[in-house]
């Protein structure tokens, strides 16, 4: 598995009722670091932690996963673990 830094753009909103002239159309730029678990159906799945490699090696477990739409990704960089 590769350890990656993904730079992506997310949607965001405000809470409650707001005047139309105060609504912002500003992208939310994000950075996520994690193990690249899978890339399918237009999505990239990262996990912050992986376990099981040193145990039986037959089944790996992930924690802290995030699925990011590929169309939102601006840049991906492979990191050295």
PDB file of N, CA and C in Angstrom:
ATOM      1  N   UNK A   1       0.830  -1.178   0.000  1.00  0.00           N
ATOM      2  CA  UNK A   1       0.000   0.000   0.000  1.00  0.00           C
ATOM      3  C   UNK A   1       0.880   1.250   0.000  1.00  0.00           C
ATOM      4  N   UNK A   2       0.410   2.272  -0.675  1.00  0.00           N
ATOM      5  CA  UNK A   2       1.153   3.536  -0.744  1.00  0.00           C
ATOM      6  C   UNK A   2       0.623   4.509   0.309  1.00  0.00           C
ATOM      7  N   UNK A   3       1.542   5.262   0.895  1.00  0.00           N
ATOM      8  CA  UNK A   3       1.194   6.364   1.791  1.00  0.00           C
ATOM      9  C   UNK A   3       1.148   7.617   0.923  1.00  0.00           C
ATOM     10  N   UNK A   4       0.022   8.341   0.943  1.00  0.00           N
ATOM     11  CA  UNK A   4      -0.137   9.479   0.035  1.00  0.00           C
ATOM     12  C   UNK A   4      -0.632  10.732   0.760  1.00  0.00           C
ATOM     13  N   UNK A   5      -0.320  11.876   0.164  1.00  0.00           N
ATOM     14  CA  UNK A   5      -0.871  13.167   0.548  1.00  0.00           C
ATOM     15  C   UNK A   5      -1.810  13.568  -0.586  1.00  0.00           C
ATOM     16  N   UNK A   6      -3.068  13.788  -0.264  1.00  0.00           N
ATOM     17  CA  UNK A   6      -4.065  14.155  -1.268  1.00  0.00           C
ATOM     18  C   UNK A   6      -4.556  15.569  -0.982  1.00  0.00           C
ATOM     19  N   UNK A   7      -4.464  16.439  -1.981  1.00  0.00           N
ATOM     20  CA  UNK A   7      -5.007  17.793  -1.880  1.00  0.00           C
ATOM     21  C   UNK A   7      -6.308  17.809  -2.670  1.00  0.00           C
ATOM     22  N   UNK A   8      -7.393  18.239  -2.011  1.00  0.00           N
ATOM     23  CA  UNK A   8      -8.705  18.161  -2.636  1.00  0.00           C
ATOM     24  C   UNK A   8      -9.592  19.316  -2.195  1.00  0.00           C
ATOM     25  N   UNK A   9     -10.685  19.503  -2.920  1.00  0.00           N
ATOM     26  CA  UNK A   9     -11.629  20.581  -2.653  1.00  0.00           C
ATOM     27  C   UNK A   9     -12.937  19.957  -2.178  1.00  0.00           C
ATOM     28  N   UNK A  10     -13.462  20.504  -1.076  1.00  0.00           N
ATOM     29  CA  UNK A  10     -14.691  19.983  -0.495  1.00  0.00           C
ATOM     30  C   UNK A  10     -15.788  21.041  -0.563  1.00  0.00           C
ATOM     31  N   UNK A  11     -17.012  20.600  -0.406  1.00  0.00           N
ATOM     32  CA  UNK A  11     -18.132  21.540  -0.318  1.00  0.00           C
ATOM     33  C   UNK A  11     -18.328  21.916   1.149  1.00  0.00           C
ATOM     34  N   UNK A  12     -18.988  23.022   1.384  1.00  0.00           N
ATOM     35  CA  UNK A  12     -19.272  23.439   2.752  1.00  0.00           C
ATOM     36  C   UNK A  12     -20.494  24.337   2.754  1.00  0.00           C
ATOM     37  N   UNK A  13     -21.045  24.528   3.906  1.00  0.00           N
ATOM     38  CA  UNK A  13     -22.225  25.368   4.018  1.00  0.00           C
ATOM     39  C   UNK A  13     -22.252  26.040   5.375  1.00  0.00           C
ATOM     40  N   UNK A  14     -23.262  26.848   5.589  1.00  0.00           N
ATOM     41  CA  UNK A  14     -23.398  27.548   6.854  1.00  0.00           C
ATOM     42  C   UNK A  14     -24.616  26.998   7.598  1.00  0.00           C
ATOM     43  N   UNK A  15     -24.724  27.364   8.843  1.00  0.00           N
ATOM     44  CA  UNK A  15     -25.802  26.865   9.689  1.00  0.00           C
ATOM     45  C   UNK A  15     -26.928  27.894   9.754  1.00  0.00           C
ATOM     46  N   UNK A  16     -28.140  27.433   9.669  1.00  0.00           N
ATOM     47  CA  UNK A  16     -29.295  28.313   9.814  1.00  0.00           C
ATOM     48  C   UNK A  16     -29.620  29.114   8.560  1.00  0.00           C
ATOM     49  N   UNK A  17     -30.499  30.084   8.739  1.00  0.00           N
ATOM     50  CA  UNK A  17     -30.926  30.954   7.643  1.00  0.00           C
ATOM     51  C   UNK A  17     -29.980  32.135   7.529  1.00  0.00           C
ATOM     52  N   UNK A  18     -29.592  32.447   6.280  1.00  0.00           N
ATOM     53  CA  UNK A  18     -28.660  33.547   6.035  1.00  0.00           C
ATOM     54  C   UNK A  18     -29.147  34.373   4.847  1.00  0.00           C
ATOM     55  N   UNK A  19     -28.905  35.679   4.878  1.00  0.00           N
ATOM     56  CA  UNK A  19     -29.273  36.523   3.735  1.00  0.00           C
ATOM     57  C   UNK A  19     -28.542  36.069   2.472  1.00  0.00           C
ATOM     58  N   UNK A  20     -29.224  36.055   1.354  1.00  0.00           N
ATOM     59  CA  UNK A  20     -28.639  35.602   0.092  1.00  0.00           C
ATOM     60  C   UNK A  20     -27.385  36.363  -0.281  1.00  0.00           C
ATOM     61  N   UNK A  21     -27.343  37.669   0.030  1.00  0.00           N
ATOM     62  CA  UNK A  21     -26.176  38.462  -0.359  1.00  0.00           C
ATOM     63  C   UNK A  21     -24.955  38.192   0.528  1.00  0.00           C
ATOM     64  N   UNK A  22     -25.108  37.375   1.565  1.00  0.00           N
ATOM     65  CA  UNK A  22     -23.981  37.046   2.433  1.00  0.00           C
ATOM     66  C   UNK A  22     -23.470  35.617   2.225  1.00  0.00           C
ATOM     67  N   UNK A  23     -24.098  34.879   1.326  1.00  0.00           N
ATOM     68  CA  UNK A  23     -23.642  33.515   1.046  1.00  0.00           C
ATOM     69  C   UNK A  23     -22.358  33.570   0.226  1.00  0.00           C
ATOM     70  N   UNK A  24     -21.416  32.709   0.569  1.00  0.00           N
ATOM     71  CA  UNK A  24     -20.116  32.716  -0.100  1.00  0.00           C
ATOM     72  C   UNK A  24     -19.971  31.511  -1.029  1.00  0.00           C
ATOM     73  N   UNK A  25     -19.309  31.736  -2.142  1.00  0.00           N
ATOM     74  CA  UNK A  25     -18.983  30.660  -3.078  1.00  0.00           C
ATOM     75  C   UNK A  25     -17.470  30.478  -3.047  1.00  0.00           C
ATOM     76  N   UNK A  26     -16.978  30.053  -1.884  1.00  0.00           N
ATOM     77  CA  UNK A  26     -15.543  29.895  -1.683  1.00  0.00           C
ATOM     78  C   UNK A  26     -15.248  28.420  -1.465  1.00  0.00           C
ATOM     79  N   UNK A  27     -14.339  27.837  -2.252  1.00  0.00           N
ATOM     80  CA  UNK A  27     -14.033  26.416  -2.071  1.00  0.00           C
ATOM     81  C   UNK A  27     -13.283  26.166  -0.768  1.00  0.00           C
ATOM     82  N   UNK A  28     -13.472  24.994  -0.205  1.00  0.00           N
ATOM     83  CA  UNK A  28     -12.783  24.594   1.010  1.00  0.00           C
ATOM     84  C   UNK A  28     -11.642  23.658   0.607  1.00  0.00           C
ATOM     85  N   UNK A  29     -10.413  24.155   0.668  1.00  0.00           N
ATOM     86  CA  UNK A  29      -9.243  23.374   0.270  1.00  0.00           C
ATOM     87  C   UNK A  29      -8.805  22.487   1.425  1.00  0.00           C
ATOM     88  N   UNK A  30      -8.629  21.201   1.154  1.00  0.00           N
ATOM     89  CA  UNK A  30      -8.298  20.217   2.189  1.00  0.00           C
ATOM     90  C   UNK A  30      -7.043  19.446   1.805  1.00  0.00           C
ATOM     91  N   UNK A  31      -6.373  18.911   2.825  1.00  0.00           N
ATOM     92  CA  UNK A  31      -5.244  18.009   2.631  1.00  0.00           C
ATOM     93  C   UNK A  31      -5.457  16.816   3.547  1.00  0.00           C
ATOM     94  N   UNK A  32      -5.306  15.620   2.998  1.00  0.00           N
ATOM     95  CA  UNK A  32      -5.449  14.395   3.784  1.00  0.00           C
ATOM     96  C   UNK A  32      -4.251  13.508   3.513  1.00  0.00           C
ATOM     97  N   UNK A  33      -3.752  12.866   4.584  1.00  0.00           N
ATOM     98  CA  UNK A  33      -2.650  11.917   4.468  1.00  0.00           C
ATOM     99  C   UNK A  33      -3.168  10.568   4.930  1.00  0.00           C
ATOM    100  N   UNK A  34      -2.847   9.522   4.184  1.00  0.00           N
ATOM    101  CA  UNK A  34      -3.271   8.187   4.591  1.00  0.00           C
ATOM    102  C   UNK A  34      -2.776   7.122   3.638  1.00  0.00           C
ATOM    103  N   UNK A  35      -3.086   5.896   4.019  1.00  0.00           N
ATOM    104  CA  UNK A  35      -2.751   4.749   3.173  1.00  0.00           C
ATOM    105  C   UNK A  35      -3.804   4.623   2.090  1.00  0.00           C
ATOM    106  N   UNK A  36      -3.364   4.512   0.842  1.00  0.00           N
ATOM    107  CA  UNK A  36      -4.286   4.372  -0.289  1.00  0.00           C
ATOM    108  C   UNK A  36      -4.827   2.944  -0.289  1.00  0.00           C
ATOM    109  N   UNK A  37      -6.056   2.789   0.173  1.00  0.00           N
ATOM    110  CA  UNK A  37      -6.675   1.471   0.324  1.00  0.00           C
ATOM    111  C   UNK A  37      -7.272   0.986  -0.986  1.00  0.00           C
ATOM    112  N   UNK A  38      -8.013   1.861  -1.648  1.00  0.00           N
ATOM    113  CA  UNK A  38      -8.596   1.478  -2.941  1.00  0.00           C
ATOM    114  C   UNK A  38      -8.948   2.696  -3.764  1.00  0.00           C
ATOM    115  N   UNK A  39      -9.080   2.450  -5.047  1.00  0.00           N
ATOM    116  CA  UNK A  39      -9.434   3.479  -6.028  1.00  0.00           C
ATOM    117  C   UNK A  39     -10.422   2.814  -6.968  1.00  0.00           C
ATOM    118  N   UNK A  40     -11.711   3.114  -6.797  1.00  0.00           N
ATOM    119  CA  UNK A  40     -12.734   2.486  -7.626  1.00  0.00           C
ATOM    120  C   UNK A  40     -13.996   3.332  -7.662  1.00  0.00           C
ATOM    121  N   UNK A  41     -14.791   3.148  -8.690  1.00  0.00           N
ATOM    122  CA  UNK A  41     -16.066   3.856  -8.848  1.00  0.00           C
ATOM    123  C   UNK A  41     -15.926   5.371  -8.717  1.00  0.00           C
ATOM    124  N   UNK A  42     -14.805   5.913  -9.187  1.00  0.00           N
ATOM    125  CA  UNK A  42     -14.592   7.351  -9.137  1.00  0.00           C
ATOM    126  C   UNK A  42     -14.261   7.879  -7.752  1.00  0.00           C
ATOM    127  N   UNK A  43     -13.902   6.977  -6.837  1.00  0.00           N
ATOM    128  CA  UNK A  43     -13.584   7.362  -5.467  1.00  0.00           C
ATOM    129  C   UNK A  43     -12.189   6.870  -5.090  1.00  0.00           C
ATOM    130  N   UNK A  44     -11.532   7.609  -4.200  1.00  0.00           N
ATOM    131  CA  UNK A  44     -10.252   7.218  -3.626  1.00  0.00           C
ATOM    132  C   UNK A  44     -10.491   7.043  -2.128  1.00  0.00           C
ATOM    133  N   UNK A  45     -10.099   5.888  -1.587  1.00  0.00           N
ATOM    134  CA  UNK A  45     -10.300   5.615  -0.165  1.00  0.00           C
ATOM    135  C   UNK A  45      -8.950   5.586   0.533  1.00  0.00           C
ATOM    136  N   UNK A  46      -8.810   6.449   1.564  1.00  0.00           N
ATOM    137  CA  UNK A  46      -7.612   6.498   2.387  1.00  0.00           C
ATOM    138  C   UNK A  46      -7.956   5.997   3.781  1.00  0.00           C
ATOM    139  N   UNK A  47      -6.965   5.404   4.455  1.00  0.00           N
ATOM    140  CA  UNK A  47      -7.116   5.010   5.857  1.00  0.00           C
ATOM    141  C   UNK A  47      -5.936   5.577   6.623  1.00  0.00           C
ATOM    142  N   UNK A  48      -6.192   6.139   7.802  1.00  0.00           N
ATOM    143  CA  UNK A  48      -5.104   6.725   8.583  1.00  0.00           C
ATOM    144  C   UNK A  48      -4.284   5.654   9.297  1.00  0.00           C
ATOM    145  N   UNK A  49      -4.892   4.510   9.592  1.00  0.00           N
ATOM    146  CA  UNK A  49      -4.183   3.422  10.270  1.00  0.00           C
ATOM    147  C   UNK A  49      -4.547   2.079   9.650  1.00  0.00           C
ATOM    148  N   UNK A  50      -3.549   1.195   9.581  1.00  0.00           N
ATOM    149  CA  UNK A  50      -3.731  -0.170   9.060  1.00  0.00           C
ATOM    150  C   UNK A  50      -3.156  -1.130  10.096  1.00  0.00           C
ATOM    151  N   UNK A  51      -3.841  -2.237  10.356  1.00  0.00           N
ATOM    152  CA  UNK A  51      -3.286  -3.250  11.261  1.00  0.00           C
ATOM    153  C   UNK A  51      -3.477  -4.637  10.658  1.00  0.00           C
ATOM    154  N   UNK A  52      -2.701  -5.589  11.169  1.00  0.00           N
ATOM    155  CA  UNK A  52      -2.830  -6.972  10.742  1.00  0.00           C
ATOM    156  C   UNK A  52      -1.680  -7.487   9.914  1.00  0.00           C
ATOM    157  N   UNK A  53      -0.799  -6.577   9.438  1.00  0.00           N
ATOM    158  CA  UNK A  53       0.305  -7.005   8.584  1.00  0.00           C
ATOM    159  C   UNK A  53       1.246  -7.979   9.291  1.00  0.00           C
ATOM    160  N   UNK A  54       1.523  -7.737  10.568  1.00  0.00           N
ATOM    161  CA  UNK A  54       2.481  -8.566  11.300  1.00  0.00           C
ATOM    162  C   UNK A  54       1.809  -9.744  12.005  1.00  0.00           C
ATOM    163  N   UNK A  55       0.487  -9.769  12.026  1.00  0.00           N
ATOM    164  CA  UNK A  55      -0.231 -10.861  12.696  1.00  0.00           C
ATOM    165  C   UNK A  55      -0.312 -12.062  11.769  1.00  0.00           C
ATOM    166  N   UNK A  56      -1.475 -12.351  11.251  1.00  0.00           N
ATOM    167  CA  UNK A  56      -1.600 -13.495  10.345  1.00  0.00           C
ATOM    168  C   UNK A  56      -1.383 -13.107   8.886  1.00  0.00           C
ATOM    169  N   UNK A  57      -1.440 -11.800   8.595  1.00  0.00           N
ATOM    170  CA  UNK A  57      -1.211 -11.331   7.232  1.00  0.00           C
ATOM    171  C   UNK A  57      -2.330 -11.659   6.265  1.00  0.00           C
ATOM    172  N   UNK A  58      -3.318 -12.430   6.720  1.00  0.00           N
ATOM    173  CA  UNK A  58      -4.410 -12.826   5.840  1.00  0.00           C
ATOM    174  C   UNK A  58      -5.500 -11.772   5.742  1.00  0.00           C
ATOM    175  N   UNK A  59      -5.673 -11.011   6.827  1.00  0.00           N
ATOM    176  CA  UNK A  59      -6.743 -10.022   6.834  1.00  0.00           C
ATOM    177  C   UNK A  59      -6.229  -8.725   7.440  1.00  0.00           C
ATOM    178  N   UNK A  60      -6.346  -7.652   6.686  1.00  0.00           N
ATOM    179  CA  UNK A  60      -5.932  -6.342   7.166  1.00  0.00           C
ATOM    180  C   UNK A  60      -7.153  -5.560   7.644  1.00  0.00           C
ATOM    181  N   UNK A  61      -6.932  -4.667   8.607  1.00  0.00           N
ATOM    182  CA  UNK A  61      -7.994  -3.830   9.140  1.00  0.00           C
ATOM    183  C   UNK A  61      -7.597  -2.365   8.985  1.00  0.00           C
ATOM    184  N   UNK A  62      -8.604  -1.509   8.798  1.00  0.00           N
ATOM    185  CA  UNK A  62      -8.354  -0.073   8.613  1.00  0.00           C
ATOM    186  C   UNK A  62      -9.140   0.723   9.639  1.00  0.00           C
ATOM    187  N   UNK A  63      -8.602   1.884   9.981  1.00  0.00           N
ATOM    188  CA  UNK A  63      -9.281   2.820  10.890  1.00  0.00           C
ATOM    189  C   UNK A  63      -9.062   4.239  10.349  1.00  0.00           C
ATOM    190  N   UNK A  64     -10.038   5.096  10.573  1.00  0.00           N
ATOM    191  CA  UNK A  64      -9.918   6.483  10.132  1.00  0.00           C
ATOM    192  C   UNK A  64      -9.971   6.612   8.624  1.00  0.00           C
ATOM    193  N   UNK A  65     -10.966   5.982   8.011  1.00  0.00           N
ATOM    194  CA  UNK A  65     -11.061   6.007   6.548  1.00  0.00           C
ATOM    195  C   UNK A  65     -11.837   7.232   6.064  1.00  0.00           C
ATOM    196  N   UNK A  66     -11.500   7.630   4.844  1.00  0.00           N
ATOM    197  CA  UNK A  66     -12.203   8.720   4.165  1.00  0.00           C
ATOM    198  C   UNK A  66     -12.278   8.367   2.685  1.00  0.00           C
ATOM    199  N   UNK A  67     -13.447   8.586   2.088  1.00  0.00           N
ATOM    200  CA  UNK A  67     -13.647   8.367   0.657  1.00  0.00           C
ATOM    201  C   UNK A  67     -13.757   9.739  -0.001  1.00  0.00           C
ATOM    202  N   UNK A  68     -12.876  10.010  -0.961  1.00  0.00           N
ATOM    203  CA  UNK A  68     -12.830  11.307  -1.632  1.00  0.00           C
ATOM    204  C   UNK A  68     -13.164  11.104  -3.106  1.00  0.00           C
ATOM    205  N   UNK A  69     -14.137  11.839  -3.651  1.00  0.00           N
ATOM    206  CA  UNK A  69     -14.419  11.729  -5.081  1.00  0.00           C
ATOM    207  C   UNK A  69     -13.197  12.167  -5.899  1.00  0.00           C
ATOM    208  N   UNK A  70     -12.835  11.372  -6.892  1.00  0.00           N
ATOM    209  CA  UNK A  70     -11.661  11.699  -7.724  1.00  0.00           C
ATOM    210  C   UNK A  70     -11.789  13.063  -8.386  1.00  0.00           C
ATOM    211  N   UNK A  71     -12.993  13.474  -8.735  1.00  0.00           N
ATOM    212  CA  UNK A  71     -13.186  14.765  -9.405  1.00  0.00           C
ATOM    213  C   UNK A  71     -12.861  15.935  -8.483  1.00  0.00           C
ATOM    214  N   UNK A  72     -12.788  15.699  -7.170  1.00  0.00           N
ATOM    215  CA  UNK A  72     -12.451  16.757  -6.203  1.00  0.00           C
ATOM    216  C   UNK A  72     -10.952  16.839  -5.935  1.00  0.00           C
ATOM    217  N   UNK A  73     -10.197  15.841  -6.394  1.00  0.00           N
ATOM    218  CA  UNK A  73      -8.763  15.793  -6.111  1.00  0.00           C
ATOM    219  C   UNK A  73      -7.998  16.689  -7.077  1.00  0.00           C
ATOM    220  N   UNK A  74      -7.160  17.549  -6.504  1.00  0.00           N
ATOM    221  CA  UNK A  74      -6.335  18.457  -7.292  1.00  0.00           C
ATOM    222  C   UNK A  74      -4.913  17.940  -7.460  1.00  0.00           C
ATOM    223  N   UNK A  75      -4.416  17.198  -6.448  1.00  0.00           N
ATOM    224  CA  UNK A  75      -3.031  16.737  -6.497  1.00  0.00           C
ATOM    225  C   UNK A  75      -2.854  15.554  -5.543  1.00  0.00           C
ATOM    226  N   UNK A  76      -2.046  14.577  -5.967  1.00  0.00           N
ATOM    227  CA  UNK A  76      -1.722  13.445  -5.117  1.00  0.00           C
ATOM    228  C   UNK A  76      -0.209  13.256  -5.145  1.00  0.00           C
ATOM    229  N   UNK A  77       0.372  13.080  -3.966  1.00  0.00           N
ATOM    230  CA  UNK A  77       1.815  12.889  -3.862  1.00  0.00           C
ATOM    231  C   UNK A  77       2.075  11.631  -3.033  1.00  0.00           C
ATOM    232  N   UNK A  78       2.893  10.721  -3.566  1.00  0.00           N
ATOM    233  CA  UNK A  78       3.274   9.519  -2.824  1.00  0.00           C
ATOM    234  C   UNK A  78       4.353   9.896  -1.825  1.00  0.00           C
ATOM    235  N   UNK A  79       4.167   9.491  -0.555  1.00  0.00           N
ATOM    236  CA  UNK A  79       5.121   9.784   0.519  1.00  0.00           C
ATOM    237  C   UNK A  79       5.909   8.535   0.863  1.00  0.00           C
ATOM    238  N   UNK A  80       7.068   8.724   1.445  1.00  0.00           N
ATOM    239  CA  UNK A  80       7.860   7.587   1.902  1.00  0.00           C
ATOM    240  C   UNK A  80       7.529   7.329   3.363  1.00  0.00           C
ATOM    241  N   UNK A  81       7.079   6.098   3.696  1.00  0.00           N
ATOM    242  CA  UNK A  81       6.711   5.796   5.087  1.00  0.00           C
ATOM    243  C   UNK A  81       7.939   5.774   6.001  1.00  0.00           C
TER     244      UNK A  81
END
